[in-house]
C-alpha atoms as a PDB file:
ATOM      1  CA  UNK A   1      -3.841  -5.337  -3.917  1.00  0.00           C
ATOM      2  CA  UNK A   2      -6.926  -3.251  -3.092  1.00  0.00           C
ATOM      3  CA  UNK A   3      -5.574  -1.788   0.198  1.00  0.00           C
ATOM      4  CA  UNK A   4      -3.239   1.218   0.055  1.00  0.00           C
ATOM      5  CA  UNK A   5      -1.529   0.015   3.204  1.00  0.00           C
ATOM      6  CA  UNK A   6      -1.432  -3.656   2.229  1.00  0.00           C
ATOM      7  CA  UNK A   7       2.190  -3.565   1.242  1.00  0.00           C
ATOM      8  CA  UNK A   8       4.831  -1.020   0.404  1.00  0.00           C
ATOM      9  CA  UNK A   9       4.473  -1.778  -3.340  1.00  0.00           C
ATOM     10  CA  UNK A  10       0.807  -0.578  -3.211  1.00  0.00           C
ATOM     11  CA  UNK A  11       2.018   2.706  -1.704  1.00  0.00           C
ATOM     12  CA  UNK A  12       4.605   3.208  -4.396  1.00  0.00           C
ATOM     13  CA  UNK A  13       2.218   2.477  -7.192  1.00  0.00           C
ATOM     14  CA  UNK A  14      -0.590   4.495  -5.624  1.00  0.00           C
ATOM     15  CA  UNK A  15       1.636   7.503  -5.102  1.00  0.00           C
ATOM     16  CA  UNK A  16       3.077   7.291  -8.619  1.00  0.00           C
ATOM     17  CA  UNK A  17      -0.354   6.861 -10.287  1.00  0.00           C
ATOM     18  CA  UNK A  18      -2.510   9.241  -8.310  1.00  0.00           C
ATOM     19  CA  UNK A  19      -0.266  11.453  -6.205  1.00  0.00           C
ATOM     20  CA  UNK A  20      -1.299  10.865  -2.527  1.00  0.00           C
ATOM     21  CA  UNK A  21      -4.689   9.080  -2.711  1.00  0.00           C
ATOM     22  CA  UNK A  22      -6.674   8.641   0.497  1.00  0.00           C
ATOM     23  CA  UNK A  23      -7.527   5.158   1.711  1.00  0.00           C
ATOM     24  CA  UNK A  24     -10.978   5.312   0.216  1.00  0.00           C
ATOM     25  CA  UNK A  25      -9.842   6.730  -3.159  1.00  0.00           C
ATOM     26  CA  UNK A  26      -7.230   3.914  -3.488  1.00  0.00           C
ATOM     27  CA  UNK A  27      -9.816   1.355  -2.645  1.00  0.00           C
ATOM     28  CA  UNK A  28     -12.305   2.682  -5.173  1.00  0.00           C
ATOM     29  CA  UNK A  29      -9.615   2.803  -7.838  1.00  0.00           C
ATOM     30  CA  UNK A  30      -8.309  -0.736  -7.245  1.00  0.00           C
ATOM     31  CA  UNK A  31     -11.372  -2.686  -6.103  1.00  0.00           C
ATOM     32  CA  UNK A  32     -12.659  -3.332  -9.653  1.00  0.00           C
ATOM     33  CA  UNK A  33      -9.189  -4.516 -10.761  1.00  0.00           C
ATOM     34  CA  UNK A  34      -8.772  -6.678  -7.664  1.00  0.00           C
ATOM     35  CA  UNK A  35     -12.138  -8.337  -8.217  1.00  0.00           C
ATOM     36  CA  UNK A  36     -11.380  -9.016 -11.866  1.00  0.00           C
ATOM     37  CA  UNK A  37      -7.966 -10.459 -11.005  1.00  0.00           C
ATOM     38  CA  UNK A  38      -9.568 -12.699  -8.397  1.00  0.00           C
ATOM     39  CA  UNK A  39     -12.058 -13.991 -10.998  1.00  0.00           C
ATOM     40  CA  UNK A  40      -9.312 -14.538 -13.604  1.00  0.00           C
ATOM     41  CA  UNK A  41      -7.239 -16.392 -10.950  1.00  0.00           C
ATOM     42  CA  UNK A  42     -10.188 -18.577 -10.106  1.00  0.00           C
ATOM     43  CA  UNK A  43     -10.929 -19.404 -13.689  1.00  0.00           C
ATOM     44  CA  UNK A  44      -7.251 -20.211 -14.389  1.00  0.00           C
ATOM     45  CA  UNK A  45      -6.965 -22.492 -11.355  1.00  0.00           C
ATOM     46  CA  UNK A  46     -10.082 -24.373 -12.392  1.00  0.00           C
ATOM     47  CA  UNK A  47      -8.725 -24.660 -16.015  1.00  0.00           C
ATOM     48  CA  UNK A  48      -5.208 -25.629 -15.106  1.00  0.00           C
ATOM     49  CA  UNK A  49      -6.279 -28.274 -12.573  1.00  0.00           C
ATOM     50  CA  UNK A  50      -9.391 -29.481 -14.473  1.00  0.00           C
ATOM     51  CA  UNK A  51      -7.996 -33.083 -14.554  1.00  0.00           C
ATOM     52  CA  UNK A  52      -7.167 -33.238 -10.853  1.00  0.00           C
ATOM     53  CA  UNK A  53     -10.491 -31.649  -9.652  1.00  0.00           C
ATOM     54  CA  UNK A  54     -13.366 -34.015  -9.204  1.00  0.00           C
ATOM     55  CA  UNK A  55     -16.465 -33.527 -11.318  1.00  0.00           C
ATOM     56  CA  UNK A  56     -19.406 -31.869  -9.502  1.00  0.00           C
ATOM     57  CA  UNK A  57     -19.410 -30.437  -6.049  1.00  0.00           C
ATOM     58  CA  UNK A  58     -16.624 -31.231  -3.672  1.00  0.00           C
ATOM     59  CA  UNK A  59     -17.119 -33.847  -0.955  1.00  0.00           C
ATOM     60  CA  UNK A  60     -18.211 -32.343   2.365  1.00  0.00           C
ATOM     61  CA  UNK A  61     -15.426 -32.562   4.921  1.00  0.00           C
ATOM     62  CA  UNK A  62     -15.757 -32.077   8.513  1.00  0.00           C
ATOM     63  CA  UNK A  63     -12.440 -31.145  10.063  1.00  0.00           C
ATOM     64  CA  UNK A  64     -12.079 -30.303  13.676  1.00  0.00           C
ATOM     65  CA  UNK A  65     -13.254 -26.773  14.382  1.00  0.00           C
ATOM     66  CA  UNK A  66     -10.490 -24.628  15.803  1.00  0.00           C
ATOM     67  CA  UNK A  67     -11.012 -23.116  19.248  1.00  0.00           C
ATOM     68  CA  UNK A  68     -12.157 -19.508  18.714  1.00  0.00           C
ATOM     69  CA  UNK A  69     -12.404 -17.009  21.507  1.00  0.00           C
ATOM     70  CA  UNK A  70     -15.603 -15.372  20.137  1.00  0.00           C
ATOM     71  CA  UNK A  71     -15.350 -12.347  22.542  1.00  0.00           C
ATOM     72  CA  UNK A  72     -11.715 -11.635  21.450  1.00  0.00           C
ATOM     73  CA  UNK A  73     -12.645 -12.213  17.761  1.00  0.00           C
ATOM     74  CA  UNK A  74     -15.525  -9.689  18.160  1.00  0.00           C
ATOM     75  CA  UNK A  75     -13.131  -7.152  19.698  1.00  0.00           C
ATOM     76  CA  UNK A  76     -10.706  -7.743  16.750  1.00  0.00           C
ATOM     77  CA  UNK A  77     -13.381  -7.208  14.180  1.00  0.00           C
ATOM     78  CA  UNK A  78     -14.490  -4.042  16.013  1.00  0.00           C
ATOM     79  CA  UNK A  79     -10.859  -2.775  15.868  1.00  0.00           C
ATOM     80  CA  UNK A  80     -10.723  -3.556  12.136  1.00  0.00           C
ATOM     81  CA  UNK A  81     -14.006  -1.713  11.550  1.00  0.00           C
ATOM     82  CA  UNK A  82     -12.714   1.268  13.646  1.00  0.00           C
ATOM     83  CA  UNK A  83      -9.573   1.403  11.582  1.00  0.00           C
ATOM     84  CA  UNK A  84     -11.483   1.248   8.273  1.00  0.00           C
ATOM     85  CA  UNK A  85     -13.895   4.002   9.380  1.00  0.00           C
ATOM     86  CA  UNK A  86     -10.994   6.230  10.444  1.00  0.00           C
ATOM     87  CA  UNK A  87      -9.039   5.544   7.252  1.00  0.00           C
ATOM     88  CA  UNK A  88     -12.036   6.221   5.011  1.00  0.00           C
ATOM     89  CA  UNK A  89     -12.722   9.414   7.032  1.00  0.00           C
ATOM     90  CA  UNK A  90      -9.283  10.663   6.078  1.00  0.00           C
ATOM     91  CA  UNK A  91      -7.359  10.058   9.271  1.00  0.00           C
ATOM     92  CA  UNK A  92      -3.666   9.426   8.648  1.00  0.00           C
ATOM     93  CA  UNK A  93      -3.207   5.648   8.199  1.00  0.00           C
ATOM     94  CA  UNK A  94      -0.455   5.516  10.869  1.00  0.00           C
ATOM     95  CA  UNK A  95      -2.698   7.220  13.379  1.00  0.00           C
ATOM     96  CA  UNK A  96      -5.739   5.144  12.399  1.00  0.00           C
ATOM     97  CA  UNK A  97      -3.801   1.854  12.724  1.00  0.00           C
ATOM     98  CA  UNK A  98      -2.181   2.911  16.060  1.00  0.00           C
ATOM     99  CA  UNK A  99      -5.527   4.002  17.497  1.00  0.00           C
ATOM    100  CA  UNK A 100      -7.260   0.726  16.512  1.00  0.00           C
ATOM    101  CA  UNK A 101      -4.339  -1.352  17.692  1.00  0.00           C
ATOM    102  CA  UNK A 102      -4.165   0.503  21.077  1.00  0.00           C
ATOM    103  CA  UNK A 103      -7.922   0.161  21.496  1.00  0.00           C
ATOM    104  CA  UNK A 104      -7.693  -3.586  20.858  1.00  0.00           C
ATOM    105  CA  UNK A 105      -4.850  -4.030  23.268  1.00  0.00           C
ATOM    106  CA  UNK A 106      -6.709  -2.200  25.984  1.00  0.00           C
ATOM    107  CA  UNK A 107     -10.083  -3.994  25.262  1.00  0.00           C
ATOM    108  CA  UNK A 108      -8.561  -7.441  24.758  1.00  0.00           C
ATOM    109  CA  UNK A 109      -7.233  -7.758  28.305  1.00  0.00           C
ATOM    110  CA  UNK A 110      -4.669 -10.335  27.151  1.00  0.00           C
ATOM    111  CA  UNK A 111      -1.371 -10.487  28.974  1.00  0.00           C
ATOM    112  CA  UNK A 112       1.202  -8.751  26.681  1.00  0.00           C
ATOM    113  CA  UNK A 113       4.136 -11.149  27.332  1.00  0.00           C
ATOM    114  CA  UNK A 114       2.856 -14.143  25.356  1.00  0.00           C
ATOM    115  CA  UNK A 115       1.620 -11.839  22.610  1.00  0.00           C
ATOM    116  CA  UNK A 116       5.003 -10.164  22.274  1.00  0.00           C
ATOM    117  CA  UNK A 117       6.745 -13.577  22.395  1.00  0.00           C
ATOM    118  CA  UNK A 118       4.797 -14.618  19.299  1.00  0.00           C
ATOM    119  CA  UNK A 119       5.839 -11.552  17.242  1.00  0.00           C
ATOM    120  CA  UNK A 120       8.068 -12.340  14.242  1.00  0.00           C
ATOM    121  CA  UNK A 121      10.506  -9.495  15.056  1.00  0.00           C
ATOM    122  CA  UNK A 122      12.817  -9.944  11.980  1.00  0.00           C
ATOM    123  CA  UNK A 123       9.784  -9.786   9.689  1.00  0.00           C
ATOM    124  CA  UNK A 124       8.570  -6.686  11.501  1.00  0.00           C
ATOM    125  CA  UNK A 125      12.007  -5.040  11.082  1.00  0.00           C
ATOM    126  CA  UNK A 126      11.893  -6.007   7.369  1.00  0.00           C
ATOM    127  CA  UNK A 127       8.591  -4.265   6.849  1.00  0.00           C
ATOM    128  CA  UNK A 128       9.697  -1.240   8.931  1.00  0.00           C
ATOM    129  CA  UNK A 129      12.715  -1.039   6.429  1.00  0.00           C
ATOM    130  CA  UNK A 130      10.332  -1.266   3.480  1.00  0.00           C
ATOM    131  CA  UNK A 131       8.270   1.550   4.737  1.00  0.00           C
ATOM    132  CA  UNK A 132      11.406   3.713   5.160  1.00  0.00           C
ATOM    133  CA  UNK A 133      12.339   2.944   1.528  1.00  0.00           C
ATOM    134  CA  UNK A 134       8.774   3.926   0.401  1.00  0.00           C
ATOM    135  CA  UNK A 135       9.111   7.242   2.284  1.00  0.00           C
ATOM    136  CA  UNK A 136      12.467   7.830   0.680  1.00  0.00           C
ATOM    137  CA  UNK A 137      11.126   7.093  -2.774  1.00  0.00           C
ATOM    138  CA  UNK A 138       8.381   9.684  -2.204  1.00  0.00           C
ATOM    139  CA  UNK A 139      11.007  12.471  -1.971  1.00  0.00           C
ATOM    140  CA  UNK A 140      11.532  14.690  -5.039  1.00  0.00           C
ATOM    141  CA  UNK A 141      13.958  13.229  -7.452  1.00  0.00           C
ATOM    142  CA  UNK A 142      12.949   9.629  -6.738  1.00  0.00           C
ATOM    143  CA  UNK A 143       9.314   9.579  -7.573  1.00  0.00           C
ATOM    144  CA  UNK A 144       8.184   9.205 -11.135  1.00  0.00           C
ATOM    145  CA  UNK A 145       5.674  12.056 -11.011  1.00  0.00           C
ATOM    146  CA  UNK A 146       5.302  14.760 -13.661  1.00  0.00           C
ATOM    147  CA  UNK A 147       6.653  17.441 -11.312  1.00  0.00           C
ATOM    148  CA  UNK A 148      10.067  15.771 -11.022  1.00  0.00           C
ATOM    149  CA  UNK A 149      12.117  14.991 -14.059  1.00  0.00           C
ATOM    150  CA  UNK A 150      15.288  13.075 -14.590  1.00  0.00           C
ATOM    151  CA  UNK A 151      17.978  14.096 -15.399  1.00  0.00           C
ATOM    152  CA  UNK A 152      17.604  17.153 -13.134  1.00  0.00           C
ATOM    153  CA  UNK A 153      17.492  20.565 -14.898  1.00  0.00           C
ATOM    154  CA  UNK A 154      21.098  21.433 -14.468  1.00  0.00           C
ATOM    155  CA  UNK A 155      21.414  22.925 -17.902  1.00  0.00           C
ATOM    156  CA  UNK A 156      23.924  20.264 -18.809  1.00  0.00           C
ATOM    157  CA  UNK A 157      22.165  19.264 -21.915  1.00  0.00           C
ATOM    158  CA  UNK A 158      20.521  21.837 -24.144  1.00  0.00           C
ATOM    159  CA  UNK A 159      18.665  20.109 -27.060  1.00  0.00           C
ATOM    160  CA  UNK A 160      17.691  23.217 -29.014  1.00  0.00           C
ATOM    161  CA  UNK A 161      16.392  26.671 -28.632  1.00  0.00           C
ATOM    162  CA  UNK A 162      13.082  25.555 -30.166  1.00  0.00           C
ATOM    163  CA  UNK A 163      12.184  23.652 -27.091  1.00  0.00           C
ATOM    164  CA  UNK A 164      12.656  26.109 -24.166  1.00  0.00           C
ATOM    165  CA  UNK A 165      10.346  24.073 -21.855  1.00  0.00           C
ATOM    166  CA  UNK A 166      12.455  21.010 -22.230  1.00  0.00           C
ATOM    167  CA  UNK A 167      13.693  19.500 -18.906  1.00  0.00           C
ATOM    168  CA  UNK A 168      17.259  19.595 -20.264  1.00  0.00           C
ATOM    169  CA  UNK A 169      17.253  23.246 -21.148  1.00  0.00           C
ATOM    170  CA  UNK A 170      19.499  25.693 -19.389  1.00  0.00           C
ATOM    171  CA  UNK A 171      16.642  27.748 -18.045  1.00  0.00           C
ATOM    172  CA  UNK A 172      14.559  25.520 -15.670  1.00  0.00           C
ATOM    173  CA  UNK A 173      10.907  25.631 -16.577  1.00  0.00           C
ATOM    174  CA  UNK A 174       8.354  26.591 -14.005  1.00  0.00           C
ATOM    175  CA  UNK A 175       7.314  22.982 -13.333  1.00  0.00           C
ATOM    176  CA  UNK A 176      10.785  22.267 -12.172  1.00  0.00           C
ATOM    177  CA  UNK A 177      11.673  25.171  -9.870  1.00  0.00           C
ATOM    178  CA  UNK A 178      10.720  23.200  -6.764  1.00  0.00           C
ATOM    179  CA  UNK A 179      12.938  20.194  -7.272  1.00  0.00           C
ATOM    180  CA  UNK A 180      15.892  20.094  -5.046  1.00  0.00           C
ATOM    181  CA  UNK A 181      18.429  20.361  -7.897  1.00  0.00           C
ATOM    182  CA  UNK A 182      16.808  23.373  -9.619  1.00  0.00           C
ATOM    183  CA  UNK A 183      16.018  25.297  -6.458  1.00  0.00           C
ATOM    184  CA  UNK A 184      19.698  25.115  -5.474  1.00  0.00           C
ATOM    185  CA  UNK A 185      20.782  26.789  -8.664  1.00  0.00           C
END
Protein backbone atom coordinates (compact mmCIF):
# COMPACT_ATOMS: atom_id res chain seq x y z
CA UNK A 1 0.00 0.00 0.00
CA UNK A 2 2.78 2.45 0.81
CA UNK A 3 5.01 1.63 -2.16
CA UNK A 4 4.22 3.18 -5.53
CA UNK A 5 5.69 0.14 -7.26
CA UNK A 6 4.07 -2.35 -4.88
CA UNK A 7 1.34 -3.26 -7.33
CA UNK A 8 -0.33 -1.83 -10.43
CA UNK A 9 -3.33 -0.57 -8.47
CA UNK A 10 -1.04 1.70 -6.45
CA UNK A 11 0.32 3.16 -9.69
CA UNK A 12 -3.19 3.83 -11.02
CA UNK A 13 -4.34 5.42 -7.76
CA UNK A 14 -1.13 7.41 -7.36
CA UNK A 15 -1.24 8.74 -10.91
CA UNK A 16 -4.94 9.61 -10.66
CA UNK A 17 -4.58 11.32 -7.28
CA UNK A 18 -1.30 13.17 -7.69
CA UNK A 19 -0.25 13.12 -11.32
CA UNK A 20 3.12 11.38 -11.50
CA UNK A 21 4.43 11.33 -7.92
CA UNK A 22 7.99 10.29 -7.24
CA UNK A 23 8.70 7.22 -5.13
CA UNK A 24 9.41 9.43 -2.09
CA UNK A 25 6.32 11.63 -2.61
CA UNK A 26 4.06 8.59 -2.83
CA UNK A 27 5.68 7.08 0.28
CA UNK A 28 5.19 10.31 2.23
CA UNK A 29 1.54 10.55 1.10
CA UNK A 30 0.63 6.95 1.91
CA UNK A 31 2.78 6.03 4.93
CA UNK A 32 0.42 7.62 7.52
CA UNK A 33 -2.58 5.87 5.94
CA UNK A 34 -0.69 2.58 5.76
CA UNK A 35 0.31 2.76 9.44
CA UNK A 36 -3.26 3.69 10.44
CA UNK A 37 -4.69 0.78 8.41
CA UNK A 38 -2.19 -1.60 9.99
CA UNK A 39 -3.22 -0.43 13.48
CA UNK A 40 -6.94 -0.80 12.63
CA UNK A 41 -6.29 -4.30 11.20
CA UNK A 42 -4.43 -5.35 14.36
CA UNK A 43 -7.21 -4.00 16.60
CA UNK A 44 -9.90 -5.72 14.52
CA UNK A 45 -8.06 -9.06 14.58
CA UNK A 46 -7.64 -8.88 18.35
CA UNK A 47 -11.33 -7.98 18.77
CA UNK A 48 -12.67 -10.57 16.28
CA UNK A 49 -10.58 -13.42 17.73
CA UNK A 50 -10.73 -12.33 21.38
CA UNK A 51 -12.35 -15.64 22.43
CA UNK A 52 -9.76 -17.78 20.62
CA UNK A 53 -6.71 -15.82 21.78
CA UNK A 54 -5.22 -16.86 25.13
CA UNK A 55 -5.18 -14.24 27.89
CA UNK A 56 -1.81 -12.64 28.57
CA UNK A 57 1.34 -13.08 26.53
CA UNK A 58 1.60 -15.88 24.03
CA UNK A 59 3.53 -19.02 24.94
CA UNK A 60 7.12 -18.94 23.78
CA UNK A 61 7.64 -21.35 20.91
CA UNK A 62 10.94 -22.51 19.61
CA UNK A 63 10.53 -23.74 16.04
CA UNK A 64 13.56 -24.87 14.09
CA UNK A 65 15.48 -21.93 12.73
CA UNK A 66 15.61 -21.91 8.95
CA UNK A 67 18.99 -22.09 7.32
CA UNK A 68 19.93 -18.57 6.28
CA UNK A 69 22.86 -17.68 4.11
CA UNK A 70 23.86 -14.54 6.01
CA UNK A 71 26.26 -13.33 3.31
CA UNK A 72 23.61 -13.65 0.58
CA UNK A 73 20.97 -12.07 2.86
CA UNK A 74 23.30 -9.12 3.49
CA UNK A 75 23.82 -8.70 -0.26
CA UNK A 76 20.04 -8.79 -0.76
CA UNK A 77 19.49 -6.11 1.88
CA UNK A 78 22.21 -3.98 0.27
CA UNK A 79 20.45 -4.33 -3.12
CA UNK A 80 17.16 -3.28 -1.48
CA UNK A 81 18.81 -0.26 0.14
CA UNK A 82 20.45 0.66 -3.18
CA UNK A 83 17.04 0.47 -4.90
CA UNK A 84 15.40 2.63 -2.21
CA UNK A 85 18.16 5.24 -2.38
CA UNK A 86 17.93 5.42 -6.19
CA UNK A 87 14.12 5.59 -6.13
CA UNK A 88 14.08 8.34 -3.49
CA UNK A 89 16.77 10.21 -5.45
CA UNK A 90 14.39 10.30 -8.42
CA UNK A 91 15.87 7.59 -10.63
CA UNK A 92 13.23 5.97 -12.83
CA UNK A 93 11.77 2.97 -10.95
CA UNK A 94 12.48 0.59 -13.82
CA UNK A 95 16.09 1.71 -14.00
CA UNK A 96 16.53 1.60 -10.23
CA UNK A 97 15.08 -1.90 -9.94
CA UNK A 98 17.08 -3.26 -12.89
CA UNK A 99 20.29 -1.73 -11.52
CA UNK A 100 19.73 -3.16 -8.04
CA UNK A 101 18.75 -6.58 -9.43
CA UNK A 102 21.75 -6.68 -11.77
CA UNK A 103 24.06 -5.72 -8.92
CA UNK A 104 22.59 -8.46 -6.75
CA UNK A 105 22.96 -11.08 -9.49
CA UNK A 106 26.59 -10.12 -10.01
CA UNK A 107 27.43 -9.95 -6.29
CA UNK A 108 25.49 -13.07 -5.25
CA UNK A 109 27.57 -15.43 -7.40
CA UNK A 110 24.73 -17.96 -7.41
CA UNK A 111 24.38 -20.17 -10.50
CA UNK A 112 21.48 -18.76 -12.56
CA UNK A 113 19.96 -22.09 -13.67
CA UNK A 114 18.44 -23.10 -10.28
CA UNK A 115 17.28 -19.53 -9.68
CA UNK A 116 15.56 -19.31 -13.08
CA UNK A 117 13.99 -22.75 -12.51
CA UNK A 118 12.33 -21.40 -9.35
CA UNK A 119 10.75 -18.41 -11.12
CA UNK A 120 6.97 -18.53 -11.39
CA UNK A 121 6.83 -17.59 -15.08
CA UNK A 122 3.00 -17.44 -15.44
CA UNK A 123 2.82 -15.06 -12.47
CA UNK A 124 5.61 -12.96 -13.96
CA UNK A 125 3.74 -12.79 -17.29
CA UNK A 126 0.56 -11.81 -15.41
CA UNK A 127 2.31 -8.90 -13.69
CA UNK A 128 3.94 -7.82 -16.95
CA UNK A 129 0.45 -7.67 -18.46
CA UNK A 130 -0.80 -5.61 -15.51
CA UNK A 131 1.99 -3.10 -16.00
CA UNK A 132 1.08 -2.85 -19.69
CA UNK A 133 -2.53 -2.13 -18.67
CA UNK A 134 -1.36 0.54 -16.22
CA UNK A 135 0.72 2.18 -18.97
CA UNK A 136 -2.32 2.11 -21.26
CA UNK A 137 -4.54 3.68 -18.62
CA UNK A 138 -2.03 6.51 -18.23
CA UNK A 139 -2.68 7.63 -21.83
CA UNK A 140 -5.00 10.60 -22.46
CA UNK A 141 -8.63 9.62 -22.58
CA UNK A 142 -8.25 6.78 -20.08
CA UNK A 143 -6.94 8.55 -17.00
CA UNK A 144 -9.39 10.33 -14.67
CA UNK A 145 -7.29 13.49 -14.46
CA UNK A 146 -8.67 17.03 -14.72
CA UNK A 147 -6.93 17.59 -18.07
CA UNK A 148 -8.88 14.81 -19.78
CA UNK A 149 -12.68 14.81 -19.84
CA UNK A 150 -15.21 12.25 -20.95
CA UNK A 151 -17.03 12.40 -23.31
CA UNK A 152 -14.42 13.98 -25.56
CA UNK A 153 -15.03 17.53 -26.71
CA UNK A 154 -16.49 16.60 -30.05
CA UNK A 155 -19.14 19.27 -29.95
CA UNK A 156 -21.84 16.59 -30.08
CA UNK A 157 -23.62 17.91 -27.02
CA UNK A 158 -23.95 21.61 -26.42
CA UNK A 159 -25.70 22.27 -23.10
CA UNK A 160 -26.09 26.02 -23.43
CA UNK A 161 -24.37 29.18 -24.54
CA UNK A 162 -24.11 30.27 -20.91
CA UNK A 163 -21.46 27.64 -20.22
CA UNK A 164 -18.83 28.10 -22.93
CA UNK A 165 -16.14 26.26 -20.96
CA UNK A 166 -18.23 23.11 -20.63
CA UNK A 167 -16.47 20.02 -21.93
CA UNK A 168 -19.49 19.33 -24.14
CA UNK A 169 -19.49 22.71 -25.88
CA UNK A 170 -18.72 22.90 -29.57
CA UNK A 171 -15.62 25.03 -29.04
CA UNK A 172 -13.09 23.02 -27.11
CA UNK A 173 -11.81 24.92 -24.06
CA UNK A 174 -8.10 25.48 -23.59
CA UNK A 175 -7.72 22.69 -21.02
CA UNK A 176 -8.84 20.19 -23.62
CA UNK A 177 -6.87 21.17 -26.70
CA UNK A 178 -4.20 18.56 -25.96
CA UNK A 179 -6.44 15.50 -25.73
CA UNK A 180 -6.24 13.25 -28.74
CA UNK A 181 -9.88 13.82 -29.75
CA UNK A 182 -9.80 17.60 -29.66
CA UNK A 183 -6.36 17.96 -31.20
CA UNK A 184 -7.53 15.99 -34.24
CA UNK A 185 -10.45 18.37 -34.91
